[in-house]
Amino acid sequence: MSFRRVALLLAVVLLAAGCTTKTRELPQGPPREIRIINNVEVADDDRTLTVRYWGTECEEFSDSEVDYGITQIKVTIYALVTTDECERSGLQQTASISLDQPLDNRIIIDANTDTVVYEP
């Protein structure tokens, strides 16, 4: 093999090694679903939210996403569904969320429906 072919092969191998990406494995388990927020209460510390949302008896609060804007904060609520066969749906569930920054007179919007769920 010529020097040129070896150098080209080595360059291709190094380039391929640098292009690999690590993929994050998704957690196994029950499906995570977005929920519709009914209303929100803000604690005196201006950082703790009590979020009420519609769910079922076959789920539990999973986590939330918070998107901070200048005049609004958008909140998404996720629930873990524990079974496909639920007797009752439309139950009001509650979750506590801690904000990374104070609310500071911003409105809170349900990111799923783009509905205002809290106004200071």
PDB file of N, CA and C in Angstrom:
ATOM      1  N   MET A   1       0.840  -1.167   0.000  1.00  0.00           N
ATOM      2  CA  MET A   1       0.000   0.000   0.000  1.00  0.00           C
ATOM      3  C   MET A   1       0.890   1.236   0.000  1.00  0.00           C
ATOM      4  N   SER A   2       0.485   2.193  -0.780  1.00  0.00           N
ATOM      5  CA  SER A   2       1.291   3.397  -0.879  1.00  0.00           C
ATOM      6  C   SER A   2       1.061   4.301   0.342  1.00  0.00           C
ATOM      7  N   PHE A   3       2.023   5.201   0.530  1.00  0.00           N
ATOM      8  CA  PHE A   3       1.928   6.151   1.648  1.00  0.00           C
ATOM      9  C   PHE A   3       0.657   6.990   1.544  1.00  0.00           C
ATOM     10  N   ARG A   4       0.305   7.365   0.332  1.00  0.00           N
ATOM     11  CA  ARG A   4      -0.881   8.190   0.111  1.00  0.00           C
ATOM     12  C   ARG A   4      -2.160   7.452   0.517  1.00  0.00           C
ATOM     13  N   ARG A   5      -2.261   6.168   0.186  1.00  0.00           N
ATOM     14  CA  ARG A   5      -3.440   5.381   0.554  1.00  0.00           C
ATOM     15  C   ARG A   5      -3.527   5.183   2.067  1.00  0.00           C
ATOM     16  N   VAL A   6      -2.409   4.966   2.705  1.00  0.00           N
ATOM     17  CA  VAL A   6      -2.385   4.794   4.160  1.00  0.00           C
ATOM     18  C   VAL A   6      -2.822   6.096   4.837  1.00  0.00           C
ATOM     19  N   ALA A   7      -2.311   7.223   4.362  1.00  0.00           N
ATOM     20  CA  ALA A   7      -2.680   8.514   4.939  1.00  0.00           C
ATOM     21  C   ALA A   7      -4.168   8.784   4.733  1.00  0.00           C
ATOM     22  N   LEU A   8      -4.684   8.477   3.559  1.00  0.00           N
ATOM     23  CA  LEU A   8      -6.104   8.670   3.273  1.00  0.00           C
ATOM     24  C   LEU A   8      -6.958   7.777   4.162  1.00  0.00           C
ATOM     25  N   LEU A   9      -6.593   6.521   4.320  1.00  0.00           N
ATOM     26  CA  LEU A   9      -7.321   5.590   5.169  1.00  0.00           C
ATOM     27  C   LEU A   9      -7.311   6.062   6.629  1.00  0.00           C
ATOM     28  N   LEU A  10      -6.138   6.514   7.086  1.00  0.00           N
ATOM     29  CA  LEU A  10      -6.019   7.018   8.453  1.00  0.00           C
ATOM     30  C   LEU A  10      -6.890   8.267   8.649  1.00  0.00           C
ATOM     31  N   ALA A  11      -6.933   9.155   7.681  1.00  0.00           N
ATOM     32  CA  ALA A  11      -7.758  10.362   7.762  1.00  0.00           C
ATOM     33  C   ALA A  11      -9.237  10.002   7.834  1.00  0.00           C
ATOM     34  N   VAL A  12      -9.662   9.021   7.049  1.00  0.00           N
ATOM     35  CA  VAL A  12     -11.063   8.594   7.057  1.00  0.00           C
ATOM     36  C   VAL A  12     -11.424   7.987   8.408  1.00  0.00           C
ATOM     37  N   VAL A  13     -10.552   7.167   8.965  1.00  0.00           N
ATOM     38  CA  VAL A  13     -10.810   6.539  10.270  1.00  0.00           C
ATOM     39  C   VAL A  13     -10.911   7.605  11.364  1.00  0.00           C
ATOM     40  N   LEU A  14      -9.992   8.570  11.363  1.00  0.00           N
ATOM     41  CA  LEU A  14     -10.018   9.628  12.374  1.00  0.00           C
ATOM     42  C   LEU A  14     -11.255  10.503  12.231  1.00  0.00           C
ATOM     43  N   LEU A  15     -11.628  10.807  11.003  1.00  0.00           N
ATOM     44  CA  LEU A  15     -12.822  11.600  10.763  1.00  0.00           C
ATOM     45  C   LEU A  15     -14.060  10.859  11.254  1.00  0.00           C
ATOM     46  N   ALA A  16     -14.156   9.587  10.969  1.00  0.00           N
ATOM     47  CA  ALA A  16     -15.301   8.795  11.408  1.00  0.00           C
ATOM     48  C   ALA A  16     -15.356   8.713  12.926  1.00  0.00           C
ATOM     49  N   ALA A  17     -14.209   8.582  13.561  1.00  0.00           N
ATOM     50  CA  ALA A  17     -14.182   8.509  15.028  1.00  0.00           C
ATOM     51  C   ALA A  17     -14.648   9.819  15.643  1.00  0.00           C
ATOM     52  N   GLY A  18     -14.325  10.934  15.040  1.00  0.00           N
ATOM     53  CA  GLY A  18     -14.739  12.236  15.553  1.00  0.00           C
ATOM     54  C   GLY A  18     -16.196  12.532  15.301  1.00  0.00           C
ATOM     55  N   CYS A  19     -16.827  11.828  14.380  1.00  0.00           N
ATOM     56  CA  CYS A  19     -18.216  12.091  14.033  1.00  0.00           C
ATOM     57  C   CYS A  19     -19.205  11.247  14.818  1.00  0.00           C
ATOM     58  N   THR A  20     -18.712  10.355  15.622  1.00  0.00           N
ATOM     59  CA  THR A  20     -19.654   9.529  16.378  1.00  0.00           C
ATOM     60  C   THR A  20     -20.319  10.363  17.458  1.00  0.00           C
ATOM     61  N   THR A  21     -21.545  10.063  17.720  1.00  0.00           N
ATOM     62  CA  THR A  21     -22.286  10.766  18.757  1.00  0.00           C
ATOM     63  C   THR A  21     -22.797   9.766  19.777  1.00  0.00           C
ATOM     64  N   LYS A  22     -22.903  10.217  20.993  1.00  0.00           N
ATOM     65  CA  LYS A  22     -23.489   9.380  22.027  1.00  0.00           C
ATOM     66  C   LYS A  22     -24.985   9.625  22.039  1.00  0.00           C
ATOM     67  N   THR A  23     -25.747   8.570  22.094  1.00  0.00           N
ATOM     68  CA  THR A  23     -27.184   8.722  22.174  1.00  0.00           C
ATOM     69  C   THR A  23     -27.626   8.457  23.605  1.00  0.00           C
ATOM     70  N   ARG A  24     -28.585   9.221  24.028  1.00  0.00           N
ATOM     71  CA  ARG A  24     -29.116   9.062  25.374  1.00  0.00           C
ATOM     72  C   ARG A  24     -30.229   8.030  25.327  1.00  0.00           C
ATOM     73  N   GLU A  25     -30.128   7.036  26.192  1.00  0.00           N
ATOM     74  CA  GLU A  25     -31.176   6.026  26.230  1.00  0.00           C
ATOM     75  C   GLU A  25     -32.398   6.577  26.941  1.00  0.00           C
ATOM     76  N   LEU A  26     -33.548   6.315  26.371  1.00  0.00           N
ATOM     77  CA  LEU A  26     -34.787   6.730  27.002  1.00  0.00           C
ATOM     78  C   LEU A  26     -35.117   5.762  28.127  1.00  0.00           C
ATOM     79  N   PRO A  27     -35.683   6.272  29.211  1.00  0.00           N
ATOM     80  CA  PRO A  27     -36.020   5.383  30.318  1.00  0.00           C
ATOM     81  C   PRO A  27     -37.098   4.391  29.914  1.00  0.00           C
ATOM     82  N   GLN A  28     -36.956   3.191  30.392  1.00  0.00           N
ATOM     83  CA  GLN A  28     -37.963   2.164  30.132  1.00  0.00           C
ATOM     84  C   GLN A  28     -39.044   2.274  31.195  1.00  0.00           C
ATOM     85  N   GLY A  29     -40.232   1.903  30.867  1.00  0.00           N
ATOM     86  CA  GLY A  29     -41.300   1.936  31.847  1.00  0.00           C
ATOM     87  C   GLY A  29     -42.570   2.490  31.255  1.00  0.00           C
ATOM     88  N   PRO A  30     -43.468   2.894  32.126  1.00  0.00           N
ATOM     89  CA  PRO A  30     -44.764   3.376  31.651  1.00  0.00           C
ATOM     90  C   PRO A  30     -44.626   4.634  30.803  1.00  0.00           C
ATOM     91  N   PRO A  31     -45.563   4.857  29.880  1.00  0.00           N
ATOM     92  CA  PRO A  31     -45.497   6.044  29.027  1.00  0.00           C
ATOM     93  C   PRO A  31     -45.729   7.324  29.818  1.00  0.00           C
ATOM     94  N   ARG A  32     -45.085   8.375  29.397  1.00  0.00           N
ATOM     95  CA  ARG A  32     -45.223   9.696  30.005  1.00  0.00           C
ATOM     96  C   ARG A  32     -46.152  10.515  29.114  1.00  0.00           C
ATOM     97  N   GLU A  33     -47.175  11.120  29.707  1.00  0.00           N
ATOM     98  CA  GLU A  33     -48.156  11.877  28.939  1.00  0.00           C
ATOM     99  C   GLU A  33     -48.277  13.298  29.471  1.00  0.00           C
ATOM    100  N   ILE A  34     -48.571  14.225  28.561  1.00  0.00           N
ATOM    101  CA  ILE A  34     -48.787  15.631  28.931  1.00  0.00           C
ATOM    102  C   ILE A  34     -50.196  15.773  29.491  1.00  0.00           C
ATOM    103  N   ARG A  35     -50.334  16.601  30.523  1.00  0.00           N
ATOM    104  CA  ARG A  35     -51.625  16.837  31.153  1.00  0.00           C
ATOM    105  C   ARG A  35     -52.051  18.296  30.999  1.00  0.00           C
ATOM    106  N   ILE A  36     -53.365  18.534  31.072  1.00  0.00           N
ATOM    107  CA  ILE A  36     -53.930  19.876  30.971  1.00  0.00           C
ATOM    108  C   ILE A  36     -54.026  20.476  32.375  1.00  0.00           C
ATOM    109  N   ILE A  37     -53.450  21.665  32.533  1.00  0.00           N
ATOM    110  CA  ILE A  37     -53.452  22.349  33.825  1.00  0.00           C
ATOM    111  C   ILE A  37     -54.797  23.024  34.035  1.00  0.00           C
ATOM    112  N   ASN A  38     -55.346  22.847  35.235  1.00  0.00           N
ATOM    113  CA  ASN A  38     -56.616  23.469  35.602  1.00  0.00           C
ATOM    114  C   ASN A  38     -56.376  24.845  36.212  1.00  0.00           C
ATOM    115  N   ASN A  39     -55.521  24.911  37.249  1.00  0.00           N
ATOM    116  CA  ASN A  39     -55.173  26.194  37.839  1.00  0.00           C
ATOM    117  C   ASN A  39     -53.867  26.075  38.608  1.00  0.00           C
ATOM    118  N   VAL A  40     -53.340  27.236  39.010  1.00  0.00           N
ATOM    119  CA  VAL A  40     -52.050  27.303  39.696  1.00  0.00           C
ATOM    120  C   VAL A  40     -52.169  28.265  40.867  1.00  0.00           C
ATOM    121  N   GLU A  41     -51.590  27.876  41.987  1.00  0.00           N
ATOM    122  CA  GLU A  41     -51.448  28.777  43.132  1.00  0.00           C
ATOM    123  C   GLU A  41     -49.964  29.039  43.327  1.00  0.00           C
ATOM    124  N   VAL A  42     -49.630  30.271  43.693  1.00  0.00           N
ATOM    125  CA  VAL A  42     -48.239  30.658  43.899  1.00  0.00           C
ATOM    126  C   VAL A  42     -48.021  30.903  45.393  1.00  0.00           C
ATOM    127  N   ALA A  43     -46.982  30.300  45.953  1.00  0.00           N
ATOM    128  CA  ALA A  43     -46.669  30.469  47.374  1.00  0.00           C
ATOM    129  C   ALA A  43     -46.081  31.857  47.620  1.00  0.00           C
ATOM    130  N   ASP A  44     -46.011  32.229  48.881  1.00  0.00           N
ATOM    131  CA  ASP A  44     -45.483  33.544  49.265  1.00  0.00           C
ATOM    132  C   ASP A  44     -44.034  33.759  48.841  1.00  0.00           C
ATOM    133  N   ASP A  45     -43.274  32.668  48.653  1.00  0.00           N
ATOM    134  CA  ASP A  45     -41.869  32.817  48.245  1.00  0.00           C
ATOM    135  C   ASP A  45     -41.725  33.209  46.775  1.00  0.00           C
ATOM    136  N   ASP A  46     -42.838  33.232  46.008  1.00  0.00           N
ATOM    137  CA  ASP A  46     -42.867  33.624  44.592  1.00  0.00           C
ATOM    138  C   ASP A  46     -42.086  32.654  43.697  1.00  0.00           C
ATOM    139  N   ARG A  47     -41.777  31.455  44.214  1.00  0.00           N
ATOM    140  CA  ARG A  47     -41.026  30.454  43.447  1.00  0.00           C
ATOM    141  C   ARG A  47     -41.659  29.071  43.482  1.00  0.00           C
ATOM    142  N   THR A  48     -42.607  28.846  44.379  1.00  0.00           N
ATOM    143  CA  THR A  48     -43.213  27.528  44.516  1.00  0.00           C
ATOM    144  C   THR A  48     -44.636  27.565  43.980  1.00  0.00           C
ATOM    145  N   LEU A  49     -44.914  26.661  43.027  1.00  0.00           N
ATOM    146  CA  LEU A  49     -46.229  26.584  42.419  1.00  0.00           C
ATOM    147  C   LEU A  49     -46.934  25.311  42.872  1.00  0.00           C
ATOM    148  N   THR A  50     -48.218  25.440  43.176  1.00  0.00           N
ATOM    149  CA  THR A  50     -49.071  24.272  43.361  1.00  0.00           C
ATOM    150  C   THR A  50     -49.930  24.208  42.110  1.00  0.00           C
ATOM    151  N   VAL A  51     -49.697  23.171  41.312  1.00  0.00           N
ATOM    152  CA  VAL A  51     -50.362  23.042  40.013  1.00  0.00           C
ATOM    153  C   VAL A  51     -51.427  21.954  40.114  1.00  0.00           C
ATOM    154  N   ARG A  52     -52.642  22.291  39.731  1.00  0.00           N
ATOM    155  CA  ARG A  52     -53.726  21.319  39.674  1.00  0.00           C
ATOM    156  C   ARG A  52     -53.987  21.010  38.196  1.00  0.00           C
ATOM    157  N   TYR A  53     -54.062  19.734  37.910  1.00  0.00           N
ATOM    158  CA  TYR A  53     -54.237  19.305  36.518  1.00  0.00           C
ATOM    159  C   TYR A  53     -55.191  18.120  36.464  1.00  0.00           C
ATOM    160  N   TRP A  54     -55.735  17.886  35.279  1.00  0.00           N
ATOM    161  CA  TRP A  54     -56.670  16.780  35.092  1.00  0.00           C
ATOM    162  C   TRP A  54     -55.894  15.520  34.756  1.00  0.00           C
ATOM    163  N   GLY A  55     -56.208  14.443  35.480  1.00  0.00           N
ATOM    164  CA  GLY A  55     -55.532  13.171  35.266  1.00  0.00           C
ATOM    165  C   GLY A  55     -56.476  12.008  35.473  1.00  0.00           C
ATOM    166  N   THR A  56     -55.897  10.860  35.793  1.00  0.00           N
ATOM    167  CA  THR A  56     -56.674   9.649  36.053  1.00  0.00           C
ATOM    168  C   THR A  56     -56.192   9.028  37.353  1.00  0.00           C
ATOM    169  N   GLU A  57     -56.919   8.011  37.805  1.00  0.00           N
ATOM    170  CA  GLU A  57     -56.503   7.315  39.017  1.00  0.00           C
ATOM    171  C   GLU A  57     -55.354   6.345  38.748  1.00  0.00           C
ATOM    172  N   CYS A  58     -55.002   6.141  37.496  1.00  0.00           N
ATOM    173  CA  CYS A  58     -53.959   5.178  37.119  1.00  0.00           C
ATOM    174  C   CYS A  58     -52.659   5.870  36.713  1.00  0.00           C
ATOM    175  N   GLU A  59     -52.355   6.980  37.345  1.00  0.00           N
ATOM    176  CA  GLU A  59     -51.138   7.690  36.991  1.00  0.00           C
ATOM    177  C   GLU A  59     -50.571   8.406  38.201  1.00  0.00           C
ATOM    178  N   GLU A  60     -49.345   8.861  38.019  1.00  0.00           N
ATOM    179  CA  GLU A  60     -48.702   9.672  39.053  1.00  0.00           C
ATOM    180  C   GLU A  60     -47.912  10.771  38.366  1.00  0.00           C
ATOM    181  N   PHE A  61     -47.724  11.876  39.068  1.00  0.00           N
ATOM    182  CA  PHE A  61     -46.954  13.001  38.539  1.00  0.00           C
ATOM    183  C   PHE A  61     -45.547  12.522  38.220  1.00  0.00           C
ATOM    184  N   SER A  62     -45.051  12.879  37.036  1.00  0.00           N
ATOM    185  CA  SER A  62     -43.706  12.487  36.615  1.00  0.00           C
ATOM    186  C   SER A  62     -42.744  13.653  36.786  1.00  0.00           C
ATOM    187  N   ASP A  63     -42.944  14.690  35.992  1.00  0.00           N
ATOM    188  CA  ASP A  63     -42.078  15.862  36.039  1.00  0.00           C
ATOM    189  C   ASP A  63     -42.728  17.007  35.275  1.00  0.00           C
ATOM    190  N   SER A  64     -42.001  18.107  35.176  1.00  0.00           N
ATOM    191  CA  SER A  64     -42.536  19.280  34.495  1.00  0.00           C
ATOM    192  C   SER A  64     -41.428  19.961  33.706  1.00  0.00           C
ATOM    193  N   GLU A  65     -41.849  20.782  32.762  1.00  0.00           N
ATOM    194  CA  GLU A  65     -40.927  21.648  32.026  1.00  0.00           C
ATOM    195  C   GLU A  65     -41.414  23.075  32.222  1.00  0.00           C
ATOM    196  N   VAL A  66     -40.470  23.989  32.433  1.00  0.00           N
ATOM    197  CA  VAL A  66     -40.817  25.394  32.638  1.00  0.00           C
ATOM    198  C   VAL A  66     -40.007  26.225  31.649  1.00  0.00           C
ATOM    199  N   ASP A  67     -40.698  27.056  30.880  1.00  0.00           N
ATOM    200  CA  ASP A  67     -40.065  27.936  29.909  1.00  0.00           C
ATOM    201  C   ASP A  67     -40.273  29.368  30.379  1.00  0.00           C
ATOM    202  N   TYR A  68     -39.171  30.052  30.710  1.00  0.00           N
ATOM    203  CA  TYR A  68     -39.241  31.401  31.277  1.00  0.00           C
ATOM    204  C   TYR A  68     -39.193  32.452  30.174  1.00  0.00           C
ATOM    205  N   GLY A  69     -40.198  33.307  30.148  1.00  0.00           N
ATOM    206  CA  GLY A  69     -40.216  34.436  29.239  1.00  0.00           C
ATOM    207  C   GLY A  69     -40.205  35.734  30.033  1.00  0.00           C
ATOM    208  N   ILE A  70     -40.204  36.846  29.340  1.00  0.00           N
ATOM    209  CA  ILE A  70     -40.166  38.153  29.998  1.00  0.00           C
ATOM    210  C   ILE A  70     -41.487  38.459  30.696  1.00  0.00           C
ATOM    211  N   THR A  71     -42.609  38.153  30.034  1.00  0.00           N
ATOM    212  CA  THR A  71     -43.921  38.482  30.597  1.00  0.00           C
ATOM    213  C   THR A  71     -44.726  37.254  31.000  1.00  0.00           C
ATOM    214  N   GLN A  72     -44.211  36.076  30.697  1.00  0.00           N
ATOM    215  CA  GLN A  72     -44.967  34.859  30.991  1.00  0.00           C
ATOM    216  C   GLN A  72     -44.036  33.691  31.296  1.00  0.00           C
ATOM    217  N   ILE A  73     -44.601  32.698  31.944  1.00  0.00           N
ATOM    218  CA  ILE A  73     -43.912  31.436  32.189  1.00  0.00           C
ATOM    219  C   ILE A  73     -44.827  30.338  31.672  1.00  0.00           C
ATOM    220  N   LYS A  74     -44.297  29.470  30.809  1.00  0.00           N
ATOM    221  CA  LYS A  74     -45.076  28.356  30.277  1.00  0.00           C
ATOM    222  C   LYS A  74     -44.691  27.089  31.027  1.00  0.00           C
ATOM    223  N   VAL A  75     -45.705  26.358  31.459  1.00  0.00           N
ATOM    224  CA  VAL A  75     -45.489  25.144  32.234  1.00  0.00           C
ATOM    225  C   VAL A  75     -46.117  23.961  31.509  1.00  0.00           C
ATOM    226  N   THR A  76     -45.375  22.865  31.440  1.00  0.00           N
ATOM    227  CA  THR A  76     -45.879  21.600  30.920  1.00  0.00           C
ATOM    228  C   THR A  76     -45.814  20.578  32.040  1.00  0.00           C
ATOM    229  N   ILE A  77     -46.889  19.857  32.255  1.00  0.00           N
ATOM    230  CA  ILE A  77     -46.974  18.824  33.281  1.00  0.00           C
ATOM    231  C   ILE A  77     -46.985  17.459  32.598  1.00  0.00           C
ATOM    232  N   TYR A  78     -46.170  16.538  33.123  1.00  0.00           N
ATOM    233  CA  TYR A  78     -46.125  15.168  32.612  1.00  0.00           C
ATOM    234  C   TYR A  78     -46.553  14.200  33.709  1.00  0.00           C
ATOM    235  N   ALA A  79     -47.295  13.175  33.316  1.00  0.00           N
ATOM    236  CA  ALA A  79     -47.709  12.127  34.253  1.00  0.00           C
ATOM    237  C   ALA A  79     -47.274  10.774  33.695  1.00  0.00           C
ATOM    238  N   LEU A  80     -46.947   9.860  34.599  1.00  0.00           N
ATOM    239  CA  LEU A  80     -46.641   8.481  34.224  1.00  0.00           C
ATOM    240  C   LEU A  80     -47.914   7.665  34.357  1.00  0.00           C
ATOM    241  N   VAL A  81     -48.319   7.060  33.273  1.00  0.00           N
ATOM    242  CA  VAL A  81     -49.520   6.238  33.275  1.00  0.00           C
ATOM    243  C   VAL A  81     -49.108   4.833  33.698  1.00  0.00           C
ATOM    244  N   THR A  82     -49.760   4.316  34.727  1.00  0.00           N
ATOM    245  CA  THR A  82     -49.343   3.026  35.285  1.00  0.00           C
ATOM    246  C   THR A  82     -50.071   1.835  34.689  1.00  0.00           C
ATOM    247  N   THR A  83     -51.191   2.059  34.002  1.00  0.00           N
ATOM    248  CA  THR A  83     -51.919   0.983  33.343  1.00  0.00           C
ATOM    249  C   THR A  83     -52.797   1.573  32.244  1.00  0.00           C
ATOM    250  N   ASP A  84     -53.153   0.743  31.275  1.00  0.00           N
ATOM    251  CA  ASP A  84     -54.009   1.197  30.180  1.00  0.00           C
ATOM    252  C   ASP A  84     -55.488   1.187  30.541  1.00  0.00           C
ATOM    253  N   GLU A  85     -55.846   0.449  31.566  1.00  0.00           N
ATOM    254  CA  GLU A  85     -57.255   0.277  31.904  1.00  0.00           C
ATOM    255  C   GLU A  85     -57.593   1.024  33.188  1.00  0.00           C
ATOM    256  N   CYS A  86     -58.127   2.227  33.048  1.00  0.00           N
ATOM    257  CA  CYS A  86     -58.497   3.043  34.205  1.00  0.00           C
ATOM    258  C   CYS A  86     -60.003   3.078  34.351  1.00  0.00           C
ATOM    259  N   GLU A  87     -60.448   3.015  35.579  1.00  0.00           N
ATOM    260  CA  GLU A  87     -61.874   3.110  35.874  1.00  0.00           C
ATOM    261  C   GLU A  87     -62.350   4.559  35.768  1.00  0.00           C
ATOM    262  N   ARG A  88     -61.545   5.496  36.312  1.00  0.00           N
ATOM    263  CA  ARG A  88     -61.978   6.889  36.366  1.00  0.00           C
ATOM    264  C   ARG A  88     -60.930   7.801  35.747  1.00  0.00           C
ATOM    265  N   SER A  89     -61.401   8.742  34.965  1.00  0.00           N
ATOM    266  CA  SER A  89     -60.516   9.777  34.441  1.00  0.00           C
ATOM    267  C   SER A  89     -61.132  11.124  34.792  1.00  0.00           C
ATOM    268  N   GLY A  90     -60.402  12.187  34.527  1.00  0.00           N
ATOM    269  CA  GLY A  90     -60.895  13.511  34.854  1.00  0.00           C
ATOM    270  C   GLY A  90     -60.766  13.839  36.327  1.00  0.00           C
ATOM    271  N   LEU A  91     -59.859  13.155  37.019  1.00  0.00           N
ATOM    272  CA  LEU A  91     -59.616  13.454  38.424  1.00  0.00           C
ATOM    273  C   LEU A  91     -58.615  14.591  38.534  1.00  0.00           C
ATOM    274  N   GLN A  92     -58.866  15.480  39.475  1.00  0.00           N
ATOM    275  CA  GLN A  92     -57.929  16.573  39.669  1.00  0.00           C
ATOM    276  C   GLN A  92     -56.741  16.073  40.485  1.00  0.00           C
ATOM    277  N   GLN A  93     -55.550  16.252  39.932  1.00  0.00           N
ATOM    278  CA  GLN A  93     -54.304  15.869  40.580  1.00  0.00           C
ATOM    279  C   GLN A  93     -53.561  17.140  40.952  1.00  0.00           C
ATOM    280  N   THR A  94     -52.579  17.015  41.858  1.00  0.00           N
ATOM    281  CA  THR A  94     -51.811  18.167  42.303  1.00  0.00           C
ATOM    282  C   THR A  94     -50.325  17.862  42.227  1.00  0.00           C
ATOM    283  N   ALA A  95     -49.545  18.860  41.795  1.00  0.00           N
ATOM    284  CA  ALA A  95     -48.088  18.750  41.758  1.00  0.00           C
ATOM    285  C   ALA A  95     -47.484  20.036  42.286  1.00  0.00           C
ATOM    286  N   SER A  96     -46.351  19.910  42.944  1.00  0.00           N
ATOM    287  CA  SER A  96     -45.622  21.074  43.438  1.00  0.00           C
ATOM    288  C   SER A  96     -44.395  21.278  42.557  1.00  0.00           C
ATOM    289  N   ILE A  97     -44.216  22.504  42.067  1.00  0.00           N
ATOM    290  CA  ILE A  97     -43.098  22.817  41.178  1.00  0.00           C
ATOM    291  C   ILE A  97     -42.317  23.985  41.760  1.00  0.00           C
ATOM    292  N   SER A  98     -41.008  23.852  41.798  1.00  0.00           N
ATOM    293  CA  SER A  98     -40.140  24.947  42.246  1.00  0.00           C
ATOM    294  C   SER A  98     -39.550  25.643  41.032  1.00  0.00           C
ATOM    295  N   LEU A  99     -39.748  26.943  40.948  1.00  0.00           N
ATOM    296  CA  LEU A  99     -39.208  27.730  39.845  1.00  0.00           C
ATOM    297  C   LEU A  99     -37.742  28.078  40.109  1.00  0.00           C
ATOM    298  N   ASP A 100     -36.968  28.196  39.053  1.00  0.00           N
ATOM    299  CA  ASP A 100     -35.561  28.594  39.160  1.00  0.00           C
ATOM    300  C   ASP A 100     -35.403  30.087  39.409  1.00  0.00           C
ATOM    301  N   GLN A 101     -36.446  30.849  39.117  1.00  0.00           N
ATOM    302  CA  GLN A 101     -36.427  32.294  39.326  1.00  0.00           C
ATOM    303  C   GLN A 101     -37.802  32.734  39.799  1.00  0.00           C
ATOM    304  N   PRO A 102     -37.889  33.865  40.481  1.00  0.00           N
ATOM    305  CA  PRO A 102     -39.195  34.324  40.975  1.00  0.00           C
ATOM    306  C   PRO A 102     -40.182  34.580  39.844  1.00  0.00           C
ATOM    307  N   LEU A 103     -41.452  34.469  40.162  1.00  0.00           N
ATOM    308  CA  LEU A 103     -42.513  34.714  39.180  1.00  0.00           C
ATOM    309  C   LEU A 103     -42.510  36.172  38.721  1.00  0.00           C
ATOM    310  N   ASP A 104     -42.300  37.112  39.636  1.00  0.00           N
ATOM    311  CA  ASP A 104     -42.198  38.542  39.318  1.00  0.00           C
ATOM    312  C   ASP A 104     -43.331  39.063  38.443  1.00  0.00           C
ATOM    313  N   ASN A 105     -44.565  38.845  38.864  1.00  0.00           N
ATOM    314  CA  ASN A 105     -45.753  39.377  38.179  1.00  0.00           C
ATOM    315  C   ASN A 105     -45.953  38.862  36.756  1.00  0.00           C
ATOM    316  N   ARG A 106     -45.326  37.756  36.393  1.00  0.00           N
ATOM    317  CA  ARG A 106     -45.579  37.157  35.076  1.00  0.00           C
ATOM    318  C   ARG A 106     -46.809  36.256  35.138  1.00  0.00           C
ATOM    319  N   ILE A 107     -47.482  36.117  34.003  1.00  0.00           N
ATOM    320  CA  ILE A 107     -48.598  35.181  33.944  1.00  0.00           C
ATOM    321  C   ILE A 107     -48.035  33.774  33.743  1.00  0.00           C
ATOM    322  N   ILE A 108     -48.849  32.778  34.086  1.00  0.00           N
ATOM    323  CA  ILE A 108     -48.463  31.390  33.870  1.00  0.00           C
ATOM    324  C   ILE A 108     -49.408  30.808  32.840  1.00  0.00           C
ATOM    325  N   ILE A 109     -48.816  30.146  31.851  1.00  0.00           N
ATOM    326  CA  ILE A 109     -49.575  29.576  30.742  1.00  0.00           C
ATOM    327  C   ILE A 109     -49.364  28.066  30.711  1.00  0.00           C
ATOM    328  N   ASP A 110     -50.452  27.325  30.474  1.00  0.00           N
ATOM    329  CA  ASP A 110     -50.363  25.887  30.219  1.00  0.00           C
ATOM    330  C   ASP A 110     -49.786  25.737  28.812  1.00  0.00           C
ATOM    331  N   ALA A 111     -48.568  25.229  28.717  1.00  0.00           N
ATOM    332  CA  ALA A 111     -47.904  25.119  27.413  1.00  0.00           C
ATOM    333  C   ALA A 111     -48.626  24.165  26.477  1.00  0.00           C
ATOM    334  N   ASN A 112     -49.390  23.251  27.021  1.00  0.00           N
ATOM    335  CA  ASN A 112     -50.111  22.276  26.202  1.00  0.00           C
ATOM    336  C   ASN A 112     -51.281  22.923  25.461  1.00  0.00           C
ATOM    337  N   THR A 113     -51.982  23.857  26.117  1.00  0.00           N
ATOM    338  CA  THR A 113     -53.170  24.454  25.516  1.00  0.00           C
ATOM    339  C   THR A 113     -53.029  25.947  25.216  1.00  0.00           C
ATOM    340  N   ASP A 114     -51.892  26.532  25.610  1.00  0.00           N
ATOM    341  CA  ASP A 114     -51.661  27.982  25.493  1.00  0.00           C
ATOM    342  C   ASP A 114     -52.740  28.795  26.202  1.00  0.00           C
ATOM    343  N   THR A 115     -53.230  28.277  27.321  1.00  0.00           N
ATOM    344  CA  THR A 115     -54.250  28.927  28.127  1.00  0.00           C
ATOM    345  C   THR A 115     -53.599  29.559  29.365  1.00  0.00           C
ATOM    346  N   VAL A 116     -54.020  30.766  29.703  1.00  0.00           N
ATOM    347  CA  VAL A 116     -53.541  31.408  30.932  1.00  0.00           C
ATOM    348  C   VAL A 116     -54.186  30.681  32.103  1.00  0.00           C
ATOM    349  N   VAL A 117     -53.341  30.190  33.029  1.00  0.00           N
ATOM    350  CA  VAL A 117     -53.847  29.465  34.202  1.00  0.00           C
ATOM    351  C   VAL A 117     -53.568  30.216  35.506  1.00  0.00           C
ATOM    352  N   TYR A 118     -52.822  31.329  35.416  1.00  0.00           N
ATOM    353  CA  TYR A 118     -52.578  32.166  36.583  1.00  0.00           C
ATOM    354  C   TYR A 118     -52.235  33.572  36.118  1.00  0.00           C
ATOM    355  N   GLU A 119     -52.888  34.553  36.748  1.00  0.00           N
ATOM    356  CA  GLU A 119     -52.576  35.965  36.530  1.00  0.00           C
ATOM    357  C   GLU A 119     -52.337  36.608  37.891  1.00  0.00           C
ATOM    358  N   PRO A 120     -51.216  37.321  38.070  1.00  0.00           N
ATOM    359  CA  PRO A 120     -50.934  37.959  39.365  1.00  0.00           C
ATOM    360  C   PRO A 120     -51.922  39.065  39.671  1.00  0.00           C
TER     361      PRO A 120
END
